[in-house]
Amino acid sequence: QVQLVESGGGLVQPGGSLRLSCAASGNIGSIYVVGWYRQAPGKQRELVARITSGGSATYADSVKGRFTISRDNTKITAYLQMNSLKPEDTAVYYCNLDGRFWGRGTQVTVSS
């Protein structure tokens, strides 16, 4: 019944930008932490950014200064603004809610 859908991924050249969205529906209730994760082929899934209901954000060192996470608590929607993208950012990006709910992911490919 719970649906969590990521969108906004695609193919972009190095230095470009993308904005990912995470839209949730169903019997989810209140969410304390929203996290964006990514997984590249052959690598472990890693936390990219997370934000609490109070607006406190944390970023992986690899994306600091380039990515910005935000959320709309009323809509239970989260965003990840990605600027100055690099080839190493290529991965499937997943949204996670309180460690309980996962989306199916959206592919981000950074290539010339």
Protein backbone atom coordinates (compact mmCIF):
# COMPACT_ATOMS: atom_id res chain seq x y z
CA GLN A 1 0.00 0.00 0.00
CA VAL A 2 2.88 2.35 0.72
CA GLN A 3 4.30 3.97 -2.37
CA LEU A 4 7.57 5.86 -2.49
CA VAL A 5 8.69 7.05 -5.89
CA GLU A 6 11.90 8.80 -6.87
CA SER A 7 12.09 10.86 -10.01
CA GLY A 8 14.30 13.38 -11.72
CA GLY A 9 17.21 11.19 -12.68
CA GLY A 10 18.69 11.04 -16.12
CA LEU A 11 21.77 11.53 -18.23
CA VAL A 12 23.74 14.70 -17.67
CA GLN A 13 27.17 15.97 -18.64
CA PRO A 14 29.85 16.64 -16.02
CA GLY A 15 29.22 19.98 -14.39
CA GLY A 16 25.50 19.76 -14.97
CA SER A 17 22.65 19.70 -12.50
CA LEU A 18 19.70 17.51 -11.62
CA ARG A 19 16.97 17.72 -9.03
CA LEU A 20 15.65 14.49 -7.58
CA SER A 21 12.25 14.21 -5.98
CA CYS A 22 10.86 11.65 -3.56
CA ALA A 23 7.09 11.46 -3.31
CA ALA A 24 5.42 9.24 -0.74
CA SER A 25 1.85 8.06 -0.37
CA GLY A 26 -0.09 5.53 1.66
CA ASN A 27 -0.20 4.75 5.36
CA ILE A 28 3.21 6.14 6.24
CA GLY A 29 2.51 8.51 9.09
CA SER A 30 4.98 11.07 10.32
CA ILE A 31 8.58 10.79 9.21
CA TYR A 32 11.52 11.96 11.28
CA VAL A 33 14.41 11.41 8.88
CA VAL A 34 14.55 11.37 5.12
CA GLY A 35 17.71 10.07 3.54
CA TRP A 36 19.06 9.93 0.03
CA TYR A 37 21.29 6.97 -0.73
CA ARG A 38 23.08 5.87 -3.84
CA GLN A 39 24.60 2.68 -5.12
CA ALA A 40 27.00 2.38 -8.00
CA PRO A 41 27.81 -0.94 -9.71
CA GLY A 42 30.18 -3.01 -7.60
CA LYS A 43 29.97 -0.66 -4.65
CA GLN A 44 28.18 -0.62 -1.33
CA ARG A 45 25.13 1.53 -0.90
CA GLU A 46 26.12 4.80 0.71
CA LEU A 47 24.33 7.63 2.42
CA VAL A 48 24.46 10.81 0.38
CA ALA A 49 22.40 13.17 2.51
CA ARG A 50 19.79 13.14 5.22
CA ILE A 51 17.48 15.65 6.79
CA THR A 52 15.39 15.59 9.95
CA SER A 53 11.90 16.91 10.39
CA GLY A 54 13.46 19.92 12.07
CA GLY A 55 15.55 20.72 9.02
CA SER A 56 18.96 19.53 10.21
CA ALA A 57 20.90 18.24 7.22
CA THR A 58 23.95 16.03 6.94
CA TYR A 59 25.99 15.31 3.82
CA ALA A 60 28.62 12.87 2.74
CA ASP A 61 32.00 14.51 2.29
CA SER A 62 31.97 13.67 -1.39
CA VAL A 63 28.93 15.85 -2.08
CA LYS A 64 29.36 18.71 0.37
CA GLY A 65 29.03 22.05 -1.33
CA ARG A 66 27.41 20.51 -4.39
CA PHE A 67 24.23 18.80 -3.19
CA THR A 68 21.38 20.22 -1.14
CA ILE A 69 18.66 18.20 0.53
CA SER A 70 15.28 19.65 1.43
CA ARG A 71 11.83 18.43 2.38
CA ASP A 72 8.20 19.39 2.56
CA ASN A 73 6.79 17.86 5.73
CA THR A 74 3.19 18.49 4.78
CA LYS A 75 3.47 16.64 1.50
CA ILE A 76 5.97 14.04 2.76
CA THR A 77 8.15 14.94 -0.17
CA ALA A 78 11.91 15.27 -0.27
CA TYR A 79 14.32 16.71 -2.79
CA LEU A 80 17.96 16.47 -3.65
CA GLN A 81 19.41 19.31 -5.70
CA MET A 82 22.61 18.14 -7.34
CA ASN A 83 24.97 20.66 -8.88
CA SER A 84 28.43 20.37 -10.40
CA LEU A 85 27.86 16.71 -11.07
CA LYS A 86 30.85 14.44 -11.57
CA PRO A 87 31.16 11.06 -13.26
CA GLU A 88 31.65 9.45 -9.85
CA ASP A 89 28.14 10.59 -8.93
CA THR A 90 26.78 8.03 -11.36
CA ALA A 91 24.56 5.64 -9.42
CA VAL A 92 21.02 4.64 -8.66
CA TYR A 93 19.67 7.06 -6.09
CA TYR A 94 17.20 5.89 -3.48
CA CYS A 95 14.99 7.70 -1.03
CA ASN A 96 14.54 6.28 2.46
CA LEU A 97 12.10 7.23 5.19
CA ASP A 98 13.07 6.54 8.81
CA GLY A 99 14.93 3.43 7.75
CA ARG A 100 11.62 1.73 6.99
CA PHE A 101 10.53 2.63 3.49
CA TRP A 102 12.50 2.54 0.27
CA GLY A 103 11.74 3.70 -3.21
CA ARG A 104 12.74 1.76 -6.30
CA GLY A 105 15.41 4.28 -7.21
CA THR A 106 16.17 6.62 -10.06
CA GLN A 107 19.22 6.35 -12.29
CA VAL A 108 21.66 9.23 -12.46
CA THR A 109 24.34 9.00 -15.12
CA VAL A 110 27.03 11.64 -15.44
CA SER A 111 28.97 11.21 -18.64
CA SER A 112 30.33 13.10 -21.61
